[in-house]
């Protein structure tokens, strides 16, 4: 009985740790020519992964340009063309509101709001 209880406690501890890490990864689905959710709130240092579940190609391209010398004109992040089934991830290192769009489909936009760590 004691061994069983230790086993259950260990399983709960491992599950809790896995859930903690999973909570820091966020997924945006691309489906029916839309980003779902269209607005996502995360914290600095967290990663967002976009998954293309649609039947057509898309991009995930930031509308915000970095202010670093030599980087002007380039988007903060850009997936390039994502075929159906492809994934793209970006980790957000600073707070702010980051708008992005599919450069293939006009009007297909999304927003990531990154809050500071507390």
N, C-alpha and C. Protein backbone atom coordinates (compact mmCIF):
# COMPACT_ATOMS: atom_id res chain seq x y z
N UNK A 1 0.82 -1.20 0.00
CA UNK A 1 0.00 0.00 0.00
C UNK A 1 0.87 1.26 0.00
N UNK A 2 1.92 1.25 0.82
CA UNK A 2 2.81 2.39 0.92
C UNK A 2 3.48 2.66 -0.44
N UNK A 3 3.91 1.59 -1.11
CA UNK A 3 4.55 1.73 -2.42
C UNK A 3 3.58 2.32 -3.43
N UNK A 4 2.33 1.88 -3.38
CA UNK A 4 1.31 2.40 -4.29
C UNK A 4 1.11 3.89 -4.07
N UNK A 5 1.06 4.32 -2.80
CA UNK A 5 0.88 5.74 -2.50
C UNK A 5 2.07 6.57 -2.98
N UNK A 6 3.29 6.04 -2.79
CA UNK A 6 4.46 6.75 -3.30
C UNK A 6 4.42 6.86 -4.81
N UNK A 7 3.97 5.81 -5.48
CA UNK A 7 3.86 5.81 -6.94
C UNK A 7 2.85 6.85 -7.41
N UNK A 8 1.72 6.92 -6.74
CA UNK A 8 0.68 7.90 -7.10
C UNK A 8 1.20 9.32 -6.87
N UNK A 9 1.88 9.54 -5.73
CA UNK A 9 2.42 10.87 -5.43
C UNK A 9 3.46 11.28 -6.47
N UNK A 10 4.31 10.35 -6.87
CA UNK A 10 5.33 10.65 -7.88
C UNK A 10 4.68 10.98 -9.22
N UNK A 11 3.64 10.23 -9.59
CA UNK A 11 2.94 10.48 -10.85
C UNK A 11 2.29 11.86 -10.83
N UNK A 12 1.70 12.23 -9.71
CA UNK A 12 1.07 13.55 -9.61
C UNK A 12 2.11 14.66 -9.69
N UNK A 13 3.27 14.45 -9.07
CA UNK A 13 4.33 15.44 -9.11
C UNK A 13 4.83 15.62 -10.54
N UNK A 14 5.08 14.54 -11.25
CA UNK A 14 5.55 14.62 -12.63
C UNK A 14 4.51 15.27 -13.51
N UNK A 15 3.24 14.91 -13.33
CA UNK A 15 2.16 15.51 -14.11
C UNK A 15 2.08 17.00 -13.85
N UNK A 16 2.24 17.43 -12.62
CA UNK A 16 2.21 18.84 -12.27
C UNK A 16 3.34 19.61 -12.92
N UNK A 17 4.52 19.02 -12.95
CA UNK A 17 5.67 19.67 -13.59
C UNK A 17 5.44 19.77 -15.09
N UNK A 18 4.95 18.71 -15.71
CA UNK A 18 4.68 18.74 -17.15
C UNK A 18 3.63 19.79 -17.48
N UNK A 19 2.60 19.89 -16.64
CA UNK A 19 1.55 20.88 -16.88
C UNK A 19 2.10 22.30 -16.75
N UNK A 20 3.05 22.50 -15.83
CA UNK A 20 3.64 23.82 -15.65
C UNK A 20 4.39 24.24 -16.91
N UNK A 21 5.18 23.36 -17.49
CA UNK A 21 5.91 23.70 -18.70
C UNK A 21 4.98 23.86 -19.89
N UNK A 22 3.95 23.03 -19.98
CA UNK A 22 3.01 23.11 -21.10
C UNK A 22 2.26 24.43 -21.09
N UNK A 23 2.03 25.00 -19.90
CA UNK A 23 1.29 26.25 -19.79
C UNK A 23 2.07 27.42 -20.40
N UNK A 24 3.40 27.29 -20.54
CA UNK A 24 4.22 28.36 -21.08
C UNK A 24 4.29 28.32 -22.60
N UNK A 25 3.86 27.24 -23.20
CA UNK A 25 3.82 27.12 -24.65
C UNK A 25 2.40 27.38 -25.12
N UNK A 26 2.26 28.23 -26.11
CA UNK A 26 0.93 28.60 -26.59
C UNK A 26 0.81 28.23 -28.06
N UNK A 27 -0.37 27.80 -28.46
CA UNK A 27 -0.59 27.37 -29.84
C UNK A 27 -1.67 28.24 -30.47
N UNK A 28 -1.38 28.71 -31.69
CA UNK A 28 -2.36 29.40 -32.52
C UNK A 28 -2.61 28.50 -33.72
N UNK A 29 -3.85 28.12 -33.90
CA UNK A 29 -4.21 27.29 -35.04
C UNK A 29 -4.52 28.18 -36.24
N UNK A 30 -4.07 27.72 -37.40
CA UNK A 30 -4.42 28.40 -38.65
C UNK A 30 -5.41 27.48 -39.35
N UNK A 31 -6.64 27.95 -39.49
CA UNK A 31 -7.69 27.13 -40.06
C UNK A 31 -8.76 28.02 -40.68
N UNK A 32 -9.26 27.61 -41.84
CA UNK A 32 -10.30 28.36 -42.55
C UNK A 32 -9.91 29.81 -42.75
N UNK A 33 -8.65 30.02 -43.14
CA UNK A 33 -8.09 31.36 -43.40
C UNK A 33 -8.27 32.31 -42.22
N UNK A 34 -7.99 31.78 -41.02
CA UNK A 34 -8.06 32.59 -39.80
C UNK A 34 -7.05 32.07 -38.78
N UNK A 35 -6.56 32.99 -37.93
CA UNK A 35 -5.73 32.62 -36.79
C UNK A 35 -6.65 32.42 -35.60
N UNK A 36 -6.54 31.28 -34.93
CA UNK A 36 -7.43 30.96 -33.81
C UNK A 36 -6.60 30.57 -32.58
N UNK A 37 -6.55 31.36 -31.51
CA UNK A 37 -7.29 32.61 -31.33
C UNK A 37 -6.65 33.76 -32.10
N UNK A 38 -7.45 34.75 -32.38
CA UNK A 38 -6.96 35.93 -33.11
C UNK A 38 -6.16 36.87 -32.23
N UNK A 39 -6.36 36.77 -30.92
CA UNK A 39 -5.62 37.59 -29.94
C UNK A 39 -5.20 36.65 -28.82
N UNK A 40 -3.93 36.72 -28.47
CA UNK A 40 -3.38 35.84 -27.44
C UNK A 40 -2.56 36.67 -26.47
N UNK A 41 -2.75 36.45 -25.17
CA UNK A 41 -1.99 37.16 -24.15
C UNK A 41 -1.02 36.18 -23.49
N UNK A 42 0.26 36.55 -23.47
CA UNK A 42 1.31 35.71 -22.90
C UNK A 42 2.22 36.57 -22.04
N UNK A 43 3.28 35.96 -21.48
CA UNK A 43 4.28 36.69 -20.69
C UNK A 43 5.62 36.68 -21.42
N UNK A 44 6.47 37.62 -21.08
CA UNK A 44 7.81 37.70 -21.64
C UNK A 44 8.51 36.35 -21.48
N UNK A 45 9.17 35.90 -22.53
CA UNK A 45 9.92 34.64 -22.49
C UNK A 45 9.12 33.43 -22.92
N UNK A 46 7.82 33.59 -23.16
CA UNK A 46 7.00 32.46 -23.57
C UNK A 46 7.00 32.31 -25.08
N UNK A 47 6.76 31.08 -25.51
CA UNK A 47 6.81 30.74 -26.93
C UNK A 47 5.40 30.54 -27.48
N UNK A 48 5.21 31.00 -28.71
CA UNK A 48 3.96 30.76 -29.43
C UNK A 48 4.29 29.91 -30.66
N UNK A 49 3.49 28.88 -30.88
CA UNK A 49 3.65 28.02 -32.05
C UNK A 49 2.38 28.12 -32.89
N UNK A 50 2.55 28.45 -34.15
CA UNK A 50 1.44 28.49 -35.10
C UNK A 50 1.45 27.17 -35.87
N UNK A 51 0.29 26.54 -35.99
CA UNK A 51 0.16 25.28 -36.73
C UNK A 51 -0.84 25.47 -37.86
N UNK A 52 -0.42 25.13 -39.07
CA UNK A 52 -1.29 25.30 -40.24
C UNK A 52 -2.14 24.06 -40.44
N UNK A 53 -3.40 24.14 -39.99
CA UNK A 53 -4.37 23.06 -40.17
C UNK A 53 -5.22 23.29 -41.42
N UNK A 54 -4.96 24.38 -42.13
CA UNK A 54 -5.75 24.73 -43.30
C UNK A 54 -5.32 23.88 -44.50
N UNK A 55 -6.06 23.99 -45.58
CA UNK A 55 -5.76 23.24 -46.80
C UNK A 55 -4.91 24.03 -47.78
N UNK A 56 -4.55 25.28 -47.41
CA UNK A 56 -3.77 26.16 -48.29
C UNK A 56 -2.56 26.71 -47.53
N UNK A 57 -1.63 27.30 -48.28
CA UNK A 57 -0.43 27.91 -47.70
C UNK A 57 -0.77 29.21 -46.97
N UNK A 58 0.03 29.53 -45.95
CA UNK A 58 -0.10 30.78 -45.19
C UNK A 58 1.28 31.25 -44.77
N UNK A 59 1.34 32.48 -44.26
CA UNK A 59 2.54 32.96 -43.57
C UNK A 59 2.11 33.54 -42.22
N UNK A 60 3.07 33.64 -41.32
CA UNK A 60 2.91 34.34 -40.05
C UNK A 60 4.00 35.40 -40.06
N UNK A 61 3.62 36.64 -40.35
CA UNK A 61 4.60 37.70 -40.55
C UNK A 61 4.29 38.89 -39.64
N UNK A 62 5.24 39.23 -38.78
CA UNK A 62 5.07 40.36 -37.86
C UNK A 62 4.92 41.65 -38.63
N UNK A 63 4.05 42.50 -38.14
CA UNK A 63 3.87 43.82 -38.73
C UNK A 63 4.77 44.84 -38.05
N UNK A 64 5.37 44.46 -36.91
CA UNK A 64 6.27 45.32 -36.15
C UNK A 64 7.69 45.09 -36.62
N UNK A 65 8.38 46.17 -36.92
CA UNK A 65 9.77 46.09 -37.38
C UNK A 65 10.70 46.35 -36.18
N UNK A 66 11.80 45.61 -36.07
CA UNK A 66 12.74 45.87 -34.98
C UNK A 66 13.45 47.20 -35.16
N UNK A 67 13.89 47.78 -34.05
CA UNK A 67 14.55 49.09 -34.09
C UNK A 67 16.07 48.97 -34.08
N UNK A 68 16.60 47.75 -34.21
CA UNK A 68 18.05 47.56 -34.16
C UNK A 68 18.70 47.99 -35.47
N UNK A 69 19.88 48.59 -35.40
CA UNK A 69 20.58 48.98 -36.64
C UNK A 69 20.81 47.75 -37.52
N UNK A 70 20.62 47.91 -38.80
CA UNK A 70 20.82 46.81 -39.73
C UNK A 70 19.63 45.88 -39.85
N UNK A 71 18.64 46.05 -38.99
CA UNK A 71 17.47 45.18 -39.00
C UNK A 71 16.22 45.89 -39.54
N UNK A 72 16.31 47.22 -39.78
CA UNK A 72 15.15 47.95 -40.27
C UNK A 72 14.67 47.32 -41.58
N UNK A 73 13.38 47.29 -41.73
CA UNK A 73 12.79 46.74 -42.95
C UNK A 73 12.47 45.27 -42.85
N UNK A 74 13.06 44.57 -41.89
CA UNK A 74 12.77 43.15 -41.71
C UNK A 74 11.72 43.00 -40.61
N UNK A 75 10.78 42.08 -40.79
CA UNK A 75 9.81 41.85 -39.70
C UNK A 75 10.48 41.21 -38.50
N UNK A 76 9.92 41.43 -37.33
CA UNK A 76 10.45 40.84 -36.10
C UNK A 76 10.45 39.32 -36.19
N UNK A 77 9.43 38.75 -36.81
CA UNK A 77 9.39 37.31 -37.08
C UNK A 77 8.64 37.07 -38.38
N UNK A 78 9.03 36.02 -39.07
CA UNK A 78 8.40 35.68 -40.35
C UNK A 78 8.58 34.18 -40.59
N UNK A 79 7.49 33.49 -40.74
CA UNK A 79 7.53 32.04 -40.92
C UNK A 79 7.97 31.63 -42.32
N UNK A 80 7.87 32.54 -43.28
CA UNK A 80 7.99 32.11 -44.66
C UNK A 80 6.70 31.36 -45.01
N UNK A 81 6.66 30.76 -46.18
CA UNK A 81 5.44 30.05 -46.59
C UNK A 81 5.30 28.77 -45.77
N UNK A 82 4.13 28.64 -45.14
CA UNK A 82 3.81 27.43 -44.36
C UNK A 82 2.82 26.60 -45.15
N UNK A 83 3.24 25.43 -45.55
CA UNK A 83 2.36 24.48 -46.24
C UNK A 83 1.40 23.86 -45.21
N UNK A 84 0.29 23.26 -45.66
CA UNK A 84 -0.60 22.56 -44.72
C UNK A 84 0.20 21.56 -43.89
N UNK A 85 -0.01 21.60 -42.58
CA UNK A 85 0.69 20.72 -41.65
C UNK A 85 1.96 21.30 -41.06
N UNK A 86 2.47 22.41 -41.63
CA UNK A 86 3.70 23.03 -41.12
C UNK A 86 3.44 23.77 -39.81
N UNK A 87 4.53 23.96 -39.04
CA UNK A 87 4.49 24.72 -37.79
C UNK A 87 5.61 25.76 -37.80
N UNK A 88 5.38 26.84 -37.05
CA UNK A 88 6.37 27.90 -36.88
C UNK A 88 6.27 28.39 -35.45
N UNK A 89 7.42 28.60 -34.79
CA UNK A 89 7.43 29.07 -33.40
C UNK A 89 8.28 30.33 -33.26
N UNK A 90 7.88 31.16 -32.30
CA UNK A 90 8.64 32.36 -31.96
C UNK A 90 8.53 32.57 -30.45
N UNK A 91 9.67 32.85 -29.81
CA UNK A 91 9.70 33.18 -28.39
C UNK A 91 9.78 34.70 -28.26
N UNK A 92 8.90 35.25 -27.45
CA UNK A 92 8.80 36.70 -27.30
C UNK A 92 9.67 37.16 -26.13
N UNK A 93 10.72 37.92 -26.44
CA UNK A 93 11.72 38.32 -25.45
C UNK A 93 11.41 39.64 -24.76
N UNK A 94 10.46 40.41 -25.30
CA UNK A 94 10.14 41.69 -24.67
C UNK A 94 8.63 41.92 -24.67
N UNK A 95 8.21 42.79 -23.77
CA UNK A 95 6.77 43.07 -23.65
C UNK A 95 6.33 43.98 -24.78
N UNK A 96 5.03 43.96 -25.04
CA UNK A 96 4.46 44.81 -26.07
C UNK A 96 3.31 44.13 -26.77
N UNK A 97 2.74 44.82 -27.73
CA UNK A 97 1.67 44.28 -28.55
C UNK A 97 2.23 44.06 -29.94
N UNK A 98 2.12 42.82 -30.42
CA UNK A 98 2.72 42.44 -31.70
C UNK A 98 1.62 41.97 -32.64
N UNK A 99 1.40 42.75 -33.68
CA UNK A 99 0.41 42.38 -34.68
C UNK A 99 1.12 41.62 -35.79
N UNK A 100 0.42 40.65 -36.35
CA UNK A 100 0.99 39.85 -37.43
C UNK A 100 -0.10 39.55 -38.45
N UNK A 101 0.32 39.09 -39.61
CA UNK A 101 -0.63 38.83 -40.69
C UNK A 101 -0.11 37.71 -41.58
N UNK A 102 -1.02 37.18 -42.37
CA UNK A 102 -0.67 36.28 -43.46
C UNK A 102 -0.47 37.18 -44.67
N UNK A 103 0.72 37.12 -45.27
CA UNK A 103 0.99 37.97 -46.42
C UNK A 103 0.33 37.45 -47.70
N UNK A 104 -0.20 36.25 -47.65
CA UNK A 104 -0.87 35.66 -48.81
C UNK A 104 -2.34 36.04 -48.85
N UNK A 105 -2.98 36.13 -47.67
CA UNK A 105 -4.43 36.38 -47.59
C UNK A 105 -4.71 37.70 -46.88
N UNK A 106 -5.07 38.71 -47.63
CA UNK A 106 -5.37 40.04 -47.09
C UNK A 106 -6.48 39.94 -46.04
N UNK A 107 -6.30 40.63 -44.94
CA UNK A 107 -7.30 40.65 -43.88
C UNK A 107 -7.15 39.54 -42.85
N UNK A 108 -6.21 38.64 -43.07
CA UNK A 108 -5.96 37.55 -42.12
C UNK A 108 -4.90 38.02 -41.14
N UNK A 109 -5.35 38.46 -39.94
CA UNK A 109 -4.44 39.07 -38.97
C UNK A 109 -4.62 38.47 -37.59
N UNK A 110 -3.64 38.73 -36.73
CA UNK A 110 -3.70 38.30 -35.34
C UNK A 110 -2.86 39.23 -34.49
N UNK A 111 -2.99 39.07 -33.17
CA UNK A 111 -2.28 39.92 -32.21
C UNK A 111 -1.76 39.08 -31.05
N UNK A 112 -0.50 39.30 -30.69
CA UNK A 112 0.08 38.71 -29.48
C UNK A 112 0.36 39.86 -28.53
N UNK A 113 -0.19 39.78 -27.32
CA UNK A 113 0.06 40.78 -26.28
C UNK A 113 0.98 40.13 -25.25
N UNK A 114 2.18 40.72 -25.07
CA UNK A 114 3.18 40.15 -24.18
C UNK A 114 3.29 41.04 -22.95
N UNK A 115 2.96 40.46 -21.80
CA UNK A 115 3.00 41.18 -20.53
C UNK A 115 4.34 40.91 -19.84
N UNK A 116 4.79 41.85 -19.01
CA UNK A 116 6.05 41.63 -18.29
C UNK A 116 5.90 40.51 -17.26
N UNK A 117 7.02 39.89 -16.88
CA UNK A 117 7.00 38.89 -15.81
C UNK A 117 6.70 39.59 -14.50
N UNK A 118 6.00 38.91 -13.63
CA UNK A 118 5.69 39.50 -12.31
C UNK A 118 6.38 38.73 -11.23
